Amino acid sequence: MTQFELRNEGGPNAAAHADLEARIVVLEIVSMTALALALDTSDNADADHAKSVAGLILDTVRQRCSELGMEEPARQSAQSYADELLSTALVSLYPTDQ
């Protein structure tokens, strides 16, 4: 993995925060692109398959949080964020699906 040099503007904490924020933005874009591909945006897409993929992702987030021994507030935050991303993707990809 490539190491990135932290900027010194505003001190070490500000530089670390800015770099972390930038990396999160990139990861969100990459994950949303991968999510769209996994949920299939083609004309003959299967909404049930997309919902199964979404459920698998949510289950995996819960399992990984448990494996890492995350505290409850961090678990809730991770699960809420995953649910938000998936819900938004499903609603925007399949708006007429009931």
Protein backbone atom coordinates (compact mmCIF):
# COMPACT_ATOMS: atom_id res chain seq x y z
CA MET A 1 0.00 0.00 0.00
CA THR A 2 1.24 3.47 -0.84
CA GLN A 3 2.11 5.81 2.02
CA PHE A 4 0.84 9.37 1.79
CA GLU A 5 2.64 12.30 3.36
CA LEU A 6 0.43 14.36 5.63
CA ARG A 7 0.16 18.10 5.02
CA ASN A 8 1.42 20.36 7.80
CA GLU A 9 -1.15 23.15 7.35
CA GLY A 10 -2.84 23.84 10.67
CA GLY A 11 -0.74 21.38 12.62
CA PRO A 12 -0.52 17.60 12.59
CA ASN A 13 -4.12 17.00 13.72
CA ALA A 14 -5.59 19.27 11.05
CA ALA A 15 -3.45 17.62 8.37
CA ALA A 16 -4.42 14.14 9.50
CA HIS A 17 -8.08 15.14 9.60
CA ALA A 18 -7.96 16.64 6.09
CA ASP A 19 -6.26 13.55 4.66
CA LEU A 20 -8.72 11.23 6.37
CA GLU A 21 -11.65 13.25 5.09
CA ALA A 22 -10.25 13.19 1.54
CA ARG A 23 -9.75 9.43 1.65
CA ILE A 24 -13.30 8.91 2.91
CA VAL A 25 -14.67 10.90 -0.04
CA VAL A 26 -12.71 8.72 -2.47
CA LEU A 27 -13.81 5.51 -0.74
CA GLU A 28 -17.45 6.62 -0.83
CA ILE A 29 -17.26 7.22 -4.57
CA VAL A 30 -15.57 3.88 -5.20
CA SER A 31 -18.02 2.02 -2.95
CA MET A 32 -21.09 3.63 -4.53
CA THR A 33 -19.80 2.74 -7.99
CA ALA A 34 -19.16 -0.86 -6.94
CA LEU A 35 -22.55 -0.95 -5.24
CA ALA A 36 -24.32 0.22 -8.38
CA LEU A 37 -22.56 -2.49 -10.37
CA ALA A 38 -23.38 -5.16 -7.77
CA LEU A 39 -27.03 -4.11 -7.63
CA ASP A 40 -27.24 -4.16 -11.45
CA THR A 41 -28.57 -1.04 -13.10
CA SER A 42 -29.35 -2.67 -16.45
CA ASP A 43 -32.80 -2.72 -18.04
CA ASN A 44 -33.35 -6.36 -17.07
CA ALA A 45 -32.14 -5.92 -13.48
CA ASP A 46 -33.48 -8.20 -10.76
CA ALA A 47 -34.66 -6.14 -7.78
CA ASP A 48 -34.86 -9.25 -5.54
CA HIS A 49 -31.23 -10.05 -6.29
CA ALA A 50 -30.29 -6.45 -5.47
CA LYS A 51 -32.12 -6.70 -2.13
CA SER A 52 -30.28 -9.95 -1.37
CA VAL A 53 -26.93 -8.27 -2.07
CA ALA A 54 -27.93 -5.36 0.17
CA GLY A 55 -28.90 -7.76 2.97
CA LEU A 56 -25.60 -9.59 2.65
CA ILE A 57 -23.70 -6.30 2.91
CA LEU A 58 -25.61 -5.28 6.04
CA ASP A 59 -25.03 -8.69 7.65
CA THR A 60 -21.32 -8.47 6.84
CA VAL A 61 -21.07 -4.99 8.37
CA ARG A 62 -22.64 -6.30 11.59
CA GLN A 63 -20.31 -9.30 11.64
CA ARG A 64 -17.20 -7.24 10.97
CA CYS A 65 -18.09 -4.74 13.70
CA SER A 66 -18.45 -7.65 16.10
CA GLU A 67 -15.13 -9.19 15.00
CA LEU A 68 -13.38 -5.87 15.59
CA GLY A 69 -14.94 -5.56 19.05
CA MET A 70 -16.34 -2.13 18.26
CA GLU A 71 -18.18 -0.26 20.99
CA GLU A 72 -21.95 0.07 20.56
CA PRO A 73 -21.96 3.71 19.37
CA ALA A 74 -19.41 2.86 16.66
CA ARG A 75 -21.40 -0.25 15.64
CA GLN A 76 -24.60 1.76 15.37
CA SER A 77 -22.83 4.42 13.32
CA ALA A 78 -21.37 1.85 10.89
CA GLN A 79 -24.66 0.00 10.54
CA SER A 80 -26.63 3.22 10.09
CA TYR A 81 -24.19 4.47 7.44
CA ALA A 82 -24.31 1.17 5.52
CA ASP A 83 -28.11 1.14 5.71
CA GLU A 84 -28.26 4.74 4.47
CA LEU A 85 -26.00 4.02 1.48
CA LEU A 86 -27.89 0.87 0.55
CA SER A 87 -31.34 2.35 1.02
CA THR A 88 -30.48 5.34 -1.11
CA ALA A 89 -29.02 3.12 -3.83
CA LEU A 90 -32.01 0.75 -3.87
CA VAL A 91 -34.58 3.56 -3.95
CA SER A 92 -32.77 5.40 -6.72
CA LEU A 93 -32.13 2.26 -8.78
CA TYR A 94 -35.60 0.75 -8.35
CA PRO A 95 -37.99 3.66 -7.68
CA THR A 96 -41.14 1.87 -8.90
CA ASP A 97 -40.47 -1.40 -7.03
CA GLN A 98 -42.92 -1.88 -4.17
